[in-house]
C-alpha atoms as a PDB file:
ATOM      1  CA  MET A   1    -211.837-122.817-148.081  1.00  0.00           C
ATOM      2  CA  ILE A   2    -214.840-120.303-146.863  1.00  0.00           C
ATOM      3  CA  ASP A   3    -213.510-117.835-144.156  1.00  0.00           C
ATOM      4  CA  GLY A   4    -215.704-118.300-141.246  1.00  0.00           C
ATOM      5  CA  GLU A   5    -216.014-119.533-137.653  1.00  0.00           C
ATOM      6  CA  ARG A   6    -215.472-123.221-138.717  1.00  0.00           C
ATOM      7  CA  ALA A   7    -212.719-122.715-140.462  1.00  0.00           C
ATOM      8  CA  ARG A   8    -210.787-120.125-137.969  1.00  0.00           C
ATOM      9  CA  THR A   9    -211.619-122.623-135.322  1.00  0.00           C
ATOM     10  CA  GLN A  10    -210.538-126.261-136.881  1.00  0.00           C
ATOM     11  CA  PHE A  11    -207.855-125.133-139.286  1.00  0.00           C
ATOM     12  CA  PRO A  12    -206.236-122.034-137.540  1.00  0.00           C
ATOM     13  CA  ASP A  13    -202.726-122.802-139.227  1.00  0.00           C
ATOM     14  CA  TYR A  14    -204.039-123.094-142.600  1.00  0.00           C
ATOM     15  CA  VAL A  15    -206.148-119.918-142.198  1.00  0.00           C
ATOM     16  CA  LYS A  16    -203.040-118.024-140.804  1.00  0.00           C
ATOM     17  CA  THR A  17    -200.669-119.105-143.901  1.00  0.00           C
ATOM     18  CA  LYS A  18    -203.554-118.120-146.239  1.00  0.00           C
ATOM     19  CA  GLY A  19    -203.259-114.541-145.092  1.00  0.00           C
ATOM     20  CA  GLN A  20    -205.649-111.978-145.778  1.00  0.00           C
ATOM     21  CA  GLU A  21    -207.848-112.235-149.084  1.00  0.00           C
ATOM     22  CA  GLY A  22    -206.683-115.983-149.156  1.00  0.00           C
ATOM     23  CA  LEU A  23    -209.845-117.436-148.277  1.00  0.00           C
ATOM     24  CA  LEU A  24    -213.202-117.254-149.926  1.00  0.00           C
ATOM     25  CA  GLN A  25    -215.722-114.502-148.405  1.00  0.00           C
ATOM     26  CA  LEU A  26    -219.044-115.593-147.754  1.00  0.00           C
ATOM     27  CA  ASP A  27    -220.749-112.262-149.284  1.00  0.00           C
ATOM     28  CA  ALA A  28    -218.584-112.456-152.116  1.00  0.00           C
ATOM     29  CA  ILE A  29    -219.911-115.829-152.676  1.00  0.00           C
ATOM     30  CA  ALA A  30    -223.450-114.727-152.241  1.00  0.00           C
ATOM     31  CA  GLU A  31    -223.077-111.741-154.804  1.00  0.00           C
ATOM     32  CA  THR A  32    -221.630-114.025-157.413  1.00  0.00           C
ATOM     33  CA  TYR A  33    -224.567-116.497-156.824  1.00  0.00           C
ATOM     34  CA  TRP A  34    -226.884-113.875-157.211  1.00  0.00           C
ATOM     35  CA  ALA A  35    -225.330-112.127-160.132  1.00  0.00           C
ATOM     36  CA  ILE A  36    -225.649-115.691-161.718  1.00  0.00           C
ATOM     37  CA  HIS A  37    -229.282-115.715-160.728  1.00  0.00           C
ATOM     38  CA  GLN A  38    -229.753-112.490-162.641  1.00  0.00           C
ATOM     39  CA  GLN A  39    -228.011-113.384-165.818  1.00  0.00           C
ATOM     40  CA  HIS A  40    -229.425-112.490-168.951  1.00  0.00           C
ATOM     41  CA  ALA A  41    -230.469-115.580-171.288  1.00  0.00           C
ATOM     42  CA  SER A  42    -228.591-114.242-174.092  1.00  0.00           C
ATOM     43  CA  ALA A  43    -225.400-114.454-172.026  1.00  0.00           C
ATOM     44  CA  TRP A  44    -225.761-117.500-170.039  1.00  0.00           C
ATOM     45  CA  THR A  45    -223.041-119.244-167.603  1.00  0.00           C
ATOM     46  CA  HIS A  46    -222.377-122.674-167.815  1.00  0.00           C
ATOM     47  CA  GLU A  47    -219.646-123.248-165.440  1.00  0.00           C
ATOM     48  CA  LEU A  48    -217.947-120.944-162.805  1.00  0.00           C
ATOM     49  CA  ASP A  49    -215.068-121.539-160.572  1.00  0.00           C
ATOM     50  CA  LEU A  50    -214.612-119.200-157.120  1.00  0.00           C
ATOM     51  CA  ARG A  51    -211.378-118.871-156.086  1.00  0.00           C
ATOM     52  CA  PRO A  52    -209.423-116.152-154.140  1.00  0.00           C
ATOM     53  CA  PHE A  53    -207.211-114.177-156.233  1.00  0.00           C
ATOM     54  CA  LYS A  54    -203.994-115.218-154.523  1.00  0.00           C
ATOM     55  CA  GLU A  55    -204.504-119.196-155.132  1.00  0.00           C
ATOM     56  CA  PRO A  56    -201.836-119.991-157.613  1.00  0.00           C
ATOM     57  CA  PHE A  57    -203.401-122.324-160.415  1.00  0.00           C
END
């Protein structure tokens, strides 16, 4: 889930259980998108998962 007003308004209990750094931050998503946009053709990314580091896999 992306941290933001909608998540905090509609799912406050879920957000609380995730704690600090438990949700994706919009700025971090944007930075990752920009990095992919600028990637060099010799090191191409075909797939990428964005998840908070606290999420169990």
